[in-house]
């Protein structure tokens, strides 16, 4: 069990390369929190954690998870965020599916959250089920993980596959770096469209284990209309 002086931790939510995400409580006010632990001194992951904190700590938008603190822990860092009490949409979908009214409600909430971010000149750049927190009982949803988000209203994408930011299955064409277009708020809207397609159909519009093929699909192919896959 993880030990932190100012927090009690209860459960491990996610474990990735170099990071762990725990659910816990802040001692001084019993506030439920989520702790993202950076377990090493990897400079790139450390920079992303600092970037996420600086960008999102002053956000006060409905449907957006707010960062509360960035603290040193052993050889790494801890990013402390509000805990909505929900779970990731990815986790929820591993057990069940949503009905159409739930999907439309979630889509509306996410669209409103993104609109709020875009009014502030912030582009999330990685909208996907694992970055959407949902409380299915209350019908609420929140956007989280601003590790690659940008304050720029427009931004050019790198052309190298190794340098692309985002998740290939949800990547807007302009984020591939292979089009003469800038990355802006429309990139988030494209990714949200992929999420809604996945929720309605039960599958992604494009599937491949080859990143280059996925890039080609986003740029050059039209997805099959949802009603053709789910009449």
Protein backbone atom coordinates (compact mmCIF):
# COMPACT_ATOMS: atom_id res chain seq x y z
CA UNK A 1 0.00 0.00 0.00
CA UNK A 2 1.29 3.43 -0.92
CA UNK A 3 2.17 5.70 2.01
CA UNK A 4 1.95 9.50 1.88
CA UNK A 5 2.16 11.79 4.90
CA UNK A 6 -0.78 14.08 4.09
CA UNK A 7 -3.07 11.54 2.42
CA UNK A 8 -4.66 8.17 3.03
CA UNK A 9 -4.89 5.95 -0.04
CA UNK A 10 -7.54 3.30 -0.53
CA UNK A 11 -7.39 1.71 -3.98
CA UNK A 12 -5.23 1.55 -7.09
CA UNK A 13 -7.19 2.81 -10.09
CA UNK A 14 -4.59 2.47 -12.83
CA UNK A 15 -0.96 1.49 -13.32
CA UNK A 16 0.96 2.60 -16.39
CA UNK A 17 4.55 2.97 -17.50
CA UNK A 18 6.21 4.94 -14.71
CA UNK A 19 2.92 6.06 -13.12
CA UNK A 20 0.25 4.85 -10.74
CA UNK A 21 -3.16 6.41 -10.08
CA UNK A 22 -4.66 5.96 -6.61
CA UNK A 23 -7.90 6.99 -4.95
CA UNK A 24 -7.48 8.57 -1.50
CA UNK A 25 -8.42 11.20 1.06
CA UNK A 26 -6.62 14.39 2.09
CA UNK A 27 -6.17 14.34 5.87
CA UNK A 28 -6.67 18.01 6.73
CA UNK A 29 -10.21 18.29 5.36
CA UNK A 30 -11.18 14.69 4.48
CA UNK A 31 -11.49 15.69 0.81
CA UNK A 32 -11.64 12.73 -1.62
CA UNK A 33 -8.75 12.98 -4.08
CA UNK A 34 -7.05 11.11 -6.91
CA UNK A 35 -3.27 10.81 -6.73
CA UNK A 36 -1.20 10.36 -9.89
CA UNK A 37 2.20 9.10 -8.77
CA UNK A 38 5.31 9.52 -10.89
CA UNK A 39 7.57 6.74 -9.66
CA UNK A 40 10.83 7.72 -11.35
CA UNK A 41 12.86 10.69 -12.50
CA UNK A 42 12.00 10.39 -16.17
CA UNK A 43 12.37 14.00 -17.39
CA UNK A 44 9.65 13.77 -20.05
CA UNK A 45 7.02 12.32 -17.71
CA UNK A 46 8.01 14.82 -15.02
CA UNK A 47 7.64 17.71 -17.46
CA UNK A 48 4.19 16.49 -18.52
CA UNK A 49 3.07 16.23 -14.89
CA UNK A 50 4.22 19.79 -14.18
CA UNK A 51 2.58 20.98 -17.39
CA UNK A 52 -0.71 19.31 -16.46
CA UNK A 53 -0.69 20.93 -13.04
CA UNK A 54 0.14 24.42 -14.26
CA UNK A 55 -2.47 24.29 -17.02
CA UNK A 56 -5.39 22.87 -15.07
CA UNK A 57 -4.96 24.05 -11.46
CA UNK A 58 -6.92 27.28 -12.05
CA UNK A 59 -9.62 25.78 -14.23
CA UNK A 60 -13.04 26.10 -12.68
CA UNK A 61 -15.25 24.61 -15.37
CA UNK A 62 -18.19 22.24 -15.00
CA UNK A 63 -17.27 18.81 -16.29
CA UNK A 64 -13.51 19.30 -15.95
CA UNK A 65 -11.44 17.63 -13.23
CA UNK A 66 -9.32 20.24 -11.42
CA UNK A 67 -5.78 19.67 -10.18
CA UNK A 68 -5.24 20.69 -6.55
CA UNK A 69 -1.52 20.25 -5.85
CA UNK A 70 1.79 18.94 -7.16
CA UNK A 71 3.96 17.48 -4.44
CA UNK A 72 7.32 15.76 -4.18
CA UNK A 73 7.28 12.07 -3.24
CA UNK A 74 10.50 10.06 -2.86
CA UNK A 75 12.21 10.11 -6.27
CA UNK A 76 9.15 11.33 -8.17
CA UNK A 77 6.10 13.57 -8.01
CA UNK A 78 2.44 13.33 -6.99
CA UNK A 79 -0.30 15.17 -8.86
CA UNK A 80 -3.35 15.60 -6.61
CA UNK A 81 -6.74 16.07 -8.28
CA UNK A 82 -10.35 16.25 -7.23
CA UNK A 83 -12.12 12.90 -7.01
CA UNK A 84 -15.56 12.95 -8.62
CA UNK A 85 -16.29 9.47 -7.29
CA UNK A 86 -16.79 8.07 -10.77
CA UNK A 87 -14.73 5.76 -12.95
CA UNK A 88 -13.22 6.01 -16.39
CA UNK A 89 -15.54 5.47 -19.33
CA UNK A 90 -13.08 2.83 -20.54
CA UNK A 91 -13.49 0.90 -17.29
CA UNK A 92 -17.27 1.20 -17.42
CA UNK A 93 -17.41 -0.04 -21.03
CA UNK A 94 -15.37 -3.12 -20.09
CA UNK A 95 -18.38 -4.28 -18.03
CA UNK A 96 -21.44 -2.86 -19.71
CA UNK A 97 -22.78 -0.61 -22.48
CA UNK A 98 -24.73 2.64 -22.35
CA UNK A 99 -28.18 3.18 -23.76
CA UNK A 100 -28.80 5.94 -26.28
CA UNK A 101 -30.15 8.44 -23.78
CA UNK A 102 -27.03 7.99 -21.63
CA UNK A 103 -24.80 8.38 -24.69
CA UNK A 104 -26.52 11.59 -25.76
CA UNK A 105 -26.32 13.00 -22.23
CA UNK A 106 -22.62 12.17 -22.01
CA UNK A 107 -21.98 13.64 -25.46
CA UNK A 108 -23.72 16.88 -24.54
CA UNK A 109 -21.76 17.21 -21.29
CA UNK A 110 -18.44 16.55 -23.00
CA UNK A 111 -19.27 19.02 -25.78
CA UNK A 112 -20.05 21.69 -23.17
CA UNK A 113 -16.83 20.92 -21.27
CA UNK A 114 -14.78 21.19 -24.46
CA UNK A 115 -16.53 24.43 -25.39
CA UNK A 116 -15.51 25.88 -22.04
CA UNK A 117 -11.89 24.85 -22.58
CA UNK A 118 -11.83 26.21 -26.11
CA UNK A 119 -13.15 29.57 -24.96
CA UNK A 120 -10.05 29.73 -22.75
CA UNK A 121 -7.81 28.83 -25.68
CA UNK A 122 -7.07 25.33 -24.34
CA UNK A 123 -6.98 22.27 -26.61
CA UNK A 124 -7.09 18.91 -24.78
CA UNK A 125 -5.63 16.83 -27.67
CA UNK A 126 -6.35 13.42 -26.10
CA UNK A 127 -10.12 12.97 -25.74
CA UNK A 128 -10.78 9.22 -25.31
CA UNK A 129 -12.70 6.89 -22.94
CA UNK A 130 -9.83 6.54 -20.45
CA UNK A 131 -9.76 10.34 -20.05
CA UNK A 132 -13.50 10.68 -19.45
CA UNK A 133 -14.71 10.04 -15.89
CA UNK A 134 -18.35 9.02 -15.53
CA UNK A 135 -20.82 8.49 -12.73
CA UNK A 136 -23.44 6.37 -14.49
CA UNK A 137 -25.85 6.52 -11.54
CA UNK A 138 -25.84 10.32 -11.37
CA UNK A 139 -25.53 10.75 -15.13
CA UNK A 140 -22.46 12.98 -14.79
CA UNK A 141 -19.20 13.07 -16.78
CA UNK A 142 -15.88 14.88 -16.39
CA UNK A 143 -12.87 15.36 -18.65
CA UNK A 144 -9.45 14.63 -17.11
CA UNK A 145 -5.73 14.27 -17.95
CA UNK A 146 -4.30 17.47 -19.41
CA UNK A 147 -0.77 16.12 -19.75
CA UNK A 148 -0.51 16.99 -23.48
CA UNK A 149 -3.08 19.80 -23.59
CA UNK A 150 -2.03 23.12 -25.07
CA UNK A 151 -2.82 26.74 -24.27
CA UNK A 152 -2.22 27.71 -27.86
CA UNK A 153 -5.31 28.45 -29.91
CA UNK A 154 -3.62 26.88 -32.92
CA UNK A 155 -0.63 24.57 -33.07
CA UNK A 156 1.32 22.71 -35.74
CA UNK A 157 1.67 18.93 -35.33
CA UNK A 158 4.93 17.03 -35.79
CA UNK A 159 5.17 14.66 -38.74
CA UNK A 160 7.13 11.82 -37.07
CA UNK A 161 5.01 8.94 -35.72
CA UNK A 162 7.28 8.84 -32.68
CA UNK A 163 6.53 12.49 -31.93
CA UNK A 164 2.76 12.48 -32.42
CA UNK A 165 0.76 13.46 -29.35
CA UNK A 166 -2.56 11.78 -28.73
CA UNK A 167 -3.99 8.30 -29.19
CA UNK A 168 -4.00 6.94 -32.75
CA UNK A 169 -7.53 5.52 -32.67
CA UNK A 170 -8.96 8.99 -31.79
CA UNK A 171 -6.46 11.18 -33.63
CA UNK A 172 -7.82 14.06 -35.73
CA UNK A 173 -6.32 14.22 -39.25
CA UNK A 174 -4.49 17.48 -38.52
CA UNK A 175 -2.82 15.90 -35.46
CA UNK A 176 -1.07 13.39 -37.71
CA UNK A 177 1.24 16.12 -39.02
CA UNK A 178 0.55 14.95 -42.56
CA UNK A 179 -1.86 17.71 -43.52
CA UNK A 180 -1.31 21.40 -44.04
CA UNK A 181 -3.62 22.27 -41.16
CA UNK A 182 -3.12 23.47 -37.61
CA UNK A 183 -4.29 21.73 -34.44
CA UNK A 184 -7.07 23.63 -32.67
CA UNK A 185 -10.36 23.00 -30.86
CA UNK A 186 -11.78 21.13 -33.84
CA UNK A 187 -9.28 18.34 -33.14
CA UNK A 188 -11.03 17.71 -29.80
CA UNK A 189 -14.42 17.69 -31.49
CA UNK A 190 -13.19 15.05 -33.96
CA UNK A 191 -11.95 12.87 -31.09
CA UNK A 192 -15.27 13.26 -29.26
CA UNK A 193 -17.01 12.17 -32.46
CA UNK A 194 -14.90 9.00 -32.48
CA UNK A 195 -15.86 8.34 -28.85
CA UNK A 196 -19.57 8.77 -29.59
CA UNK A 197 -19.29 6.53 -32.66
CA UNK A 198 -17.67 3.88 -30.47
CA UNK A 199 -20.42 4.18 -27.86
CA UNK A 200 -23.24 3.94 -30.39
CA UNK A 201 -21.79 1.18 -32.58
CA UNK A 202 -19.77 -0.77 -30.04
CA UNK A 203 -16.61 -0.50 -32.15
CA UNK A 204 -14.18 2.16 -33.27
CA UNK A 205 -14.62 3.57 -36.79
CA UNK A 206 -11.11 2.38 -37.69
CA UNK A 207 -9.22 -0.52 -36.12
CA UNK A 208 -5.66 -1.60 -36.79
CA UNK A 209 -2.54 -2.55 -34.86
CA UNK A 210 -0.45 -0.56 -37.35
CA UNK A 211 -0.16 3.14 -36.36
CA UNK A 212 0.64 4.15 -39.94
CA UNK A 213 -2.51 2.45 -41.21
CA UNK A 214 -4.61 4.25 -38.59
CA UNK A 215 -3.08 7.57 -39.64
CA UNK A 216 -4.00 6.80 -43.25
CA UNK A 217 -7.56 5.89 -42.23
CA UNK A 218 -8.12 9.17 -40.41
CA UNK A 219 -6.80 11.16 -43.35
CA UNK A 220 -8.14 9.29 -46.37
CA UNK A 221 -11.05 7.01 -45.41
CA UNK A 222 -14.67 7.68 -44.57
CA UNK A 223 -15.96 5.63 -41.64
CA UNK A 224 -18.91 3.38 -42.30
CA UNK A 225 -22.09 5.20 -41.23
CA UNK A 226 -23.20 4.06 -37.74
CA UNK A 227 -26.66 3.00 -38.95
CA UNK A 228 -25.03 0.60 -41.40
CA UNK A 229 -23.24 -1.15 -38.57
CA UNK A 230 -26.08 -0.93 -36.05
CA UNK A 231 -29.40 -0.65 -37.91
